[in-house]
PDB file of N, CA and C in Angstrom:
ATOM      1  N   MET A   1     105.832  98.407 115.500  1.00  0.00           N
ATOM      2  CA  MET A   1     105.995  96.980 114.783  1.00  0.00           C
ATOM      3  C   MET A   1     106.814  96.833 113.000  1.00  0.00           C
ATOM      4  N   PRO A   2     107.715  96.720 113.082  1.00  0.00           N
ATOM      5  CA  PRO A   2     108.341  96.767 111.353  1.00  0.00           C
ATOM      6  C   PRO A   2     108.006  95.458 110.744  1.00  0.00           C
ATOM      7  N   HIS A   3     107.927  96.436 109.474  1.00  0.00           N
ATOM      8  CA  HIS A   3     107.214  95.140 108.212  1.00  0.00           C
ATOM      9  C   HIS A   3     108.214  94.504 108.075  1.00  0.00           C
ATOM     10  N   THR A   4     107.966  93.052 107.611  1.00  0.00           N
ATOM     11  CA  THR A   4     108.964  92.306 107.146  1.00  0.00           C
ATOM     12  C   THR A   4     109.602  92.715 105.778  1.00  0.00           C
ATOM     13  N   ARG A   5     110.558  92.130 105.118  1.00  0.00           N
ATOM     14  CA  ARG A   5     110.754  92.242 103.377  1.00  0.00           C
ATOM     15  C   ARG A   5     109.452  92.159 103.245  1.00  0.00           C
ATOM     16  N   SER A   6     109.139  90.534 103.016  1.00  0.00           N
ATOM     17  CA  SER A   6     107.668  90.272 101.869  1.00  0.00           C
ATOM     18  C   SER A   6     106.805  91.037 102.270  1.00  0.00           C
ATOM     19  N   ALA A   7     106.035  91.740 103.874  1.00  0.00           N
ATOM     20  CA  ALA A   7     105.078  92.379 103.832  1.00  0.00           C
ATOM     21  C   ALA A   7     105.115  93.745 102.668  1.00  0.00           C
ATOM     22  N   ARG A   8     106.736  94.341 102.829  1.00  0.00           N
ATOM     23  CA  ARG A   8     106.967  95.493 102.532  1.00  0.00           C
ATOM     24  C   ARG A   8     106.976  95.187 100.685  1.00  0.00           C
ATOM     25  N   ASP A   9     107.157  94.471 100.066  1.00  0.00           N
ATOM     26  CA  ASP A   9     107.527  94.213  99.109  1.00  0.00           C
ATOM     27  C   ASP A   9     106.062  93.808  98.412  1.00  0.00           C
ATOM     28  N   ALA A  10     105.367  93.241  99.367  1.00  0.00           N
ATOM     29  CA  ALA A  10     103.738  92.983  98.942  1.00  0.00           C
ATOM     30  C   ALA A  10     102.940  94.598  98.271  1.00  0.00           C
ATOM     31  N   LEU A  11     103.264  95.501  99.331  1.00  0.00           N
ATOM     32  CA  LEU A  11     102.761  96.795  98.880  1.00  0.00           C
ATOM     33  C   LEU A  11     103.007  97.171  97.821  1.00  0.00           C
ATOM     34  N   LEU A  12     104.120  96.827  97.330  1.00  0.00           N
ATOM     35  CA  LEU A  12     104.906  97.529  96.075  1.00  0.00           C
ATOM     36  C   LEU A  12     103.947  97.012  94.645  1.00  0.00           C
ATOM     37  N   CYS A  13     103.146  95.716  94.924  1.00  0.00           N
ATOM     38  CA  CYS A  13     102.648  95.999  93.574  1.00  0.00           C
ATOM     39  C   CYS A  13     101.048  96.829  94.021  1.00  0.00           C
ATOM     40  N   ARG A  14     100.771  97.122  94.932  1.00  0.00           N
ATOM     41  CA  ARG A  14      99.638  97.761  94.874  1.00  0.00           C
ATOM     42  C   ARG A  14      99.978  99.293  94.651  1.00  0.00           C
ATOM     43  N   ARG A  15     101.344  99.939  94.443  1.00  0.00           N
ATOM     44  CA  ARG A  15     101.590 101.096  93.954  1.00  0.00           C
ATOM     45  C   ARG A  15     102.278 101.243  92.995  1.00  0.00           C
ATOM     46  N   CYS A  16     102.083  99.918  91.855  1.00  0.00           N
ATOM     47  CA  CYS A  16     102.787  99.796  91.119  1.00  0.00           C
ATOM     48  C   CYS A  16     101.953 100.161  89.792  1.00  0.00           C
ATOM     49  N   GLN A  17     102.281 100.703  88.841  1.00  0.00           N
ATOM     50  CA  GLN A  17     101.422 101.187  87.805  1.00  0.00           C
ATOM     51  C   GLN A  17     100.939  99.939  86.487  1.00  0.00           C
ATOM     52  N   HIS A  18     101.942  98.587  86.409  1.00  0.00           N
ATOM     53  CA  HIS A  18     101.570  97.416  86.214  1.00  0.00           C
ATOM     54  C   HIS A  18     100.928  96.210  86.745  1.00  0.00           C
ATOM     55  N   TYR A  19     100.301  96.808  88.088  1.00  0.00           N
ATOM     56  CA  TYR A  19      99.593  95.820  88.850  1.00  0.00           C
ATOM     57  C   TYR A  19      98.075  95.995  88.244  1.00  0.00           C
ATOM     58  N   PHE A  20      97.200  94.697  88.241  1.00  0.00           N
ATOM     59  CA  PHE A  20      96.062  94.954  88.199  1.00  0.00           C
ATOM     60  C   PHE A  20      95.024  93.851  88.793  1.00  0.00           C
ATOM     61  N   ILE A  21      94.016  94.046  88.855  1.00  0.00           N
ATOM     62  CA  ILE A  21      92.699  93.369  89.137  1.00  0.00           C
ATOM     63  C   ILE A  21      91.745  92.515  87.966  1.00  0.00           C
ATOM     64  N   THR A  22      92.492  91.108  88.077  1.00  0.00           N
ATOM     65  CA  THR A  22      92.049  90.567  86.753  1.00  0.00           C
ATOM     66  C   THR A  22      90.380  90.075  86.871  1.00  0.00           C
ATOM     67  N   TYR A  23      90.056  89.978  87.883  1.00  0.00           N
ATOM     68  CA  TYR A  23      88.550  89.814  88.606  1.00  0.00           C
ATOM     69  C   TYR A  23      88.175  88.080  87.878  1.00  0.00           C
ATOM     70  N   ASN A  24      89.562  87.152  87.506  1.00  0.00           N
ATOM     71  CA  ASN A  24      89.227  86.048  87.603  1.00  0.00           C
ATOM     72  C   ASN A  24      89.634  85.383  88.923  1.00  0.00           C
ATOM     73  N   PRO A  25      88.290  84.922  89.366  1.00  0.00           N
ATOM     74  CA  PRO A  25      88.706  84.149  90.865  1.00  0.00           C
ATOM     75  C   PRO A  25      89.635  83.175  90.773  1.00  0.00           C
ATOM     76  N   ALA A  26      90.117  82.151  89.968  1.00  0.00           N
ATOM     77  CA  ALA A  26      91.330  81.373  90.070  1.00  0.00           C
ATOM     78  C   ALA A  26      92.565  82.238  90.265  1.00  0.00           C
ATOM     79  N   PHE A  27      92.856  83.179  89.439  1.00  0.00           N
ATOM     80  CA  PHE A  27      94.039  84.174  89.313  1.00  0.00           C
ATOM     81  C   PHE A  27      93.570  85.502  89.307  1.00  0.00           C
ATOM     82  N   PRO A  28      93.653  86.181  90.730  1.00  0.00           N
ATOM     83  CA  PRO A  28      92.956  87.235  90.529  1.00  0.00           C
ATOM     84  C   PRO A  28      93.735  88.758  90.850  1.00  0.00           C
ATOM     85  N   TYR A  29      95.148  88.306  90.637  1.00  0.00           N
ATOM     86  CA  TYR A  29      96.040  89.189  90.584  1.00  0.00           C
ATOM     87  C   TYR A  29      97.010  89.579  89.297  1.00  0.00           C
ATOM     88  N   GLY A  30      97.220  90.688  88.617  1.00  0.00           N
ATOM     89  CA  GLY A  30      97.653  90.221  87.383  1.00  0.00           C
ATOM     90  C   GLY A  30      99.007  91.568  87.366  1.00  0.00           C
ATOM     91  N   CYS A  31      99.970  91.179  86.835  1.00  0.00           N
ATOM     92  CA  CYS A  31     101.470  92.402  86.107  1.00  0.00           C
ATOM     93  C   CYS A  31     101.405  92.015  84.794  1.00  0.00           C
ATOM     94  N   ARG A  32     101.191  93.427  84.125  1.00  0.00           N
ATOM     95  CA  ARG A  32     100.819  93.162  82.785  1.00  0.00           C
ATOM     96  C   ARG A  32     101.957  93.956  82.386  1.00  0.00           C
ATOM     97  N   ALA A  33     103.441  94.079  83.171  1.00  0.00           N
ATOM     98  CA  ALA A  33     104.891  94.473  82.678  1.00  0.00           C
ATOM     99  C   ALA A  33     105.554  92.729  82.181  1.00  0.00           C
ATOM    100  N   MET A  34     105.440  91.851  83.379  1.00  0.00           N
ATOM    101  CA  MET A  34     105.700  90.709  83.489  1.00  0.00           C
ATOM    102  C   MET A  34     104.953  89.574  82.568  1.00  0.00           C
ATOM    103  N   GLY A  35     103.510  90.069  82.653  1.00  0.00           N
ATOM    104  CA  GLY A  35     102.523  89.434  81.796  1.00  0.00           C
ATOM    105  C   GLY A  35     101.794  87.888  82.210  1.00  0.00           C
ATOM    106  N   PHE A  36     101.887  88.561  83.652  1.00  0.00           N
ATOM    107  CA  PHE A  36     100.969  87.014  83.973  1.00  0.00           C
ATOM    108  C   PHE A  36     100.084  87.375  85.147  1.00  0.00           C
ATOM    109  N   SER A  37      99.023  86.647  85.612  1.00  0.00           N
ATOM    110  CA  SER A  37      98.847  86.340  86.126  1.00  0.00           C
ATOM    111  C   SER A  37      98.612  85.607  87.627  1.00  0.00           C
ATOM    112  N   SER A  38      98.477  85.549  88.578  1.00  0.00           N
ATOM    113  CA  SER A  38      98.423  84.382  89.774  1.00  0.00           C
ATOM    114  C   SER A  38      97.417  84.946  90.980  1.00  0.00           C
ATOM    115  N   LYS A  39      97.586  83.823  91.948  1.00  0.00           N
ATOM    116  CA  LYS A  39      96.618  83.579  93.060  1.00  0.00           C
ATOM    117  C   LYS A  39      97.112  84.486  94.127  1.00  0.00           C
ATOM    118  N   ARG A  40      98.563  84.605  94.150  1.00  0.00           N
ATOM    119  CA  ARG A  40      99.221  85.603  95.099  1.00  0.00           C
ATOM    120  C   ARG A  40      99.761  87.044  94.279  1.00  0.00           C
ATOM    121  N   LEU A  41      99.727  88.218  94.654  1.00  0.00           N
ATOM    122  CA  LEU A  41     100.219  89.331  94.501  1.00  0.00           C
ATOM    123  C   LEU A  41     101.504  88.691  93.744  1.00  0.00           C
ATOM    124  N   PRO A  42     102.212  89.515  92.572  1.00  0.00           N
ATOM    125  CA  PRO A  42     102.950  88.972  91.520  1.00  0.00           C
ATOM    126  C   PRO A  42     104.142  89.409  92.092  1.00  0.00           C
ATOM    127  N   CYS A  43     104.212  90.446  92.545  1.00  0.00           N
ATOM    128  CA  CYS A  43     105.926  90.580  93.445  1.00  0.00           C
ATOM    129  C   CYS A  43     106.101  89.582  94.147  1.00  0.00           C
ATOM    130  N   LEU A  44     105.179  88.867  94.677  1.00  0.00           N
ATOM    131  CA  LEU A  44     105.845  87.875  95.507  1.00  0.00           C
ATOM    132  C   LEU A  44     106.053  86.279  95.080  1.00  0.00           C
ATOM    133  N   ASP A  45     105.814  86.157  93.682  1.00  0.00           N
ATOM    134  CA  ASP A  45     106.021  85.060  92.950  1.00  0.00           C
ATOM    135  C   ASP A  45     107.236  85.256  91.902  1.00  0.00           C
ATOM    136  N   VAL A  46     107.437  86.638  91.519  1.00  0.00           N
ATOM    137  CA  VAL A  46     108.799  87.222  91.198  1.00  0.00           C
ATOM    138  C   VAL A  46     109.977  86.963  92.437  1.00  0.00           C
ATOM    139  N   GLN A  47     109.672  87.068  93.590  1.00  0.00           N
ATOM    140  CA  GLN A  47     110.816  87.005  94.629  1.00  0.00           C
ATOM    141  C   GLN A  47     111.250  85.762  94.795  1.00  0.00           C
ATOM    142  N   GLU A  48     109.836  84.911  94.312  1.00  0.00           N
ATOM    143  CA  GLU A  48     109.976  83.159  94.482  1.00  0.00           C
ATOM    144  C   GLU A  48     110.854  82.676  93.859  1.00  0.00           C
ATOM    145  N   ALA A  49     110.522  83.344  92.520  1.00  0.00           N
ATOM    146  CA  ALA A  49     111.289  82.561  91.285  1.00  0.00           C
ATOM    147  C   ALA A  49     112.750  82.642  90.804  1.00  0.00           C
ATOM    148  N   SER A  50     112.927  83.902  91.361  1.00  0.00           N
ATOM    149  CA  SER A  50     114.387  84.729  90.741  1.00  0.00           C
ATOM    150  C   SER A  50     115.289  84.846  92.352  1.00  0.00           C
ATOM    151  N   GLY A  51     114.608  85.335  93.549  1.00  0.00           N
ATOM    152  CA  GLY A  51     115.667  85.166  94.934  1.00  0.00           C
ATOM    153  C   GLY A  51     115.801  86.747  94.340  1.00  0.00           C
ATOM    154  N   ARG A  52     114.851  87.611  93.897  1.00  0.00           N
ATOM    155  CA  ARG A  52     115.386  89.043  93.768  1.00  0.00           C
ATOM    156  C   ARG A  52     114.004  89.886  93.927  1.00  0.00           C
ATOM    157  N   PRO A  53     113.840  90.872  94.505  1.00  0.00           N
ATOM    158  CA  PRO A  53     112.643  92.034  94.117  1.00  0.00           C
ATOM    159  C   PRO A  53     112.355  92.479  93.198  1.00  0.00           C
ATOM    160  N   CYS A  54     110.965  92.605  92.329  1.00  0.00           N
ATOM    161  CA  CYS A  54     110.454  92.754  91.287  1.00  0.00           C
ATOM    162  C   CYS A  54     111.570  94.183  90.619  1.00  0.00           C
ATOM    163  N   LEU A  55     112.106  93.897  89.658  1.00  0.00           N
ATOM    164  CA  LEU A  55     112.593  95.012  89.016  1.00  0.00           C
ATOM    165  C   LEU A  55     111.660  95.766  87.905  1.00  0.00           C
ATOM    166  N   ARG A  56     110.410  95.190  87.967  1.00  0.00           N
ATOM    167  CA  ARG A  56     109.907  96.056  86.841  1.00  0.00           C
ATOM    168  C   ARG A  56     108.882  96.987  87.631  1.00  0.00           C
ATOM    169  N   PHE A  57     109.129  97.284  88.834  1.00  0.00           N
ATOM    170  CA  PHE A  57     108.299  98.442  89.567  1.00  0.00           C
ATOM    171  C   PHE A  57     108.294  99.547  89.039  1.00  0.00           C
ATOM    172  N   GLN A  58     106.991 100.483  88.668  1.00  0.00           N
ATOM    173  CA  GLN A  58     106.948 101.834  88.665  1.00  0.00           C
ATOM    174  C   GLN A  58     105.927 102.108  89.204  1.00  0.00           C
ATOM    175  N   PRO A  59     106.392 103.112  89.898  1.00  0.00           N
ATOM    176  CA  PRO A  59     105.113 103.867  91.099  1.00  0.00           C
ATOM    177  C   PRO A  59     104.025 104.293  89.951  1.00  0.00           C
ATOM    178  N   LYS A  60     102.892 104.420  90.430  1.00  0.00           N
ATOM    179  CA  LYS A  60     101.556 105.002  89.581  1.00  0.00           C
ATOM    180  C   LYS A  60     102.137 106.638  89.787  1.00  0.00           C
ATOM    181  N   PRO A  61     101.302 106.933  88.620  1.00  0.00           N
ATOM    182  CA  PRO A  61     101.659 108.336  88.425  1.00  0.00           C
ATOM    183  C   PRO A  61     100.656 109.154  89.353  1.00  0.00           C
ATOM    184  N   GLY A  62     101.873 110.372  89.723  1.00  0.00           N
ATOM    185  CA  GLY A  62     101.519 110.788  91.358  1.00  0.00           C
ATOM    186  C   GLY A  62     101.683 110.657  92.813  1.00  0.00           C
ATOM    187  N   GLN A  63     102.748 108.992  92.560  1.00  0.00           N
ATOM    188  CA  GLN A  63     102.835 108.794  93.818  1.00  0.00           C
ATOM    189  C   GLN A  63     104.511 108.359  93.939  1.00  0.00           C
ATOM    190  N   ASN A  64     104.634 108.628  94.964  1.00  0.00           N
ATOM    191  CA  ASN A  64     106.401 108.650  95.327  1.00  0.00           C
ATOM    192  C   ASN A  64     106.822 107.228  95.610  1.00  0.00           C
ATOM    193  N   SER A  65     107.518 106.560  95.185  1.00  0.00           N
ATOM    194  CA  SER A  65     108.301 105.227  95.709  1.00  0.00           C
ATOM    195  C   SER A  65     108.978 105.384  97.059  1.00  0.00           C
TER     196      SER A  65
END
């Protein structure tokens, strides 16, 4: 079963060096590169706001994108 584009994009956050967990129950996910926290994965908010996938994605060290 193929992944949808949004499912693939959501996986990108977890593989990005800028992604972090805030431990704030109201806004549990964050992006250091974009400087915000969200209830959803940051790449989903970026996609919704700009209409484009996140351009700040950088793979974590030791991972291939």
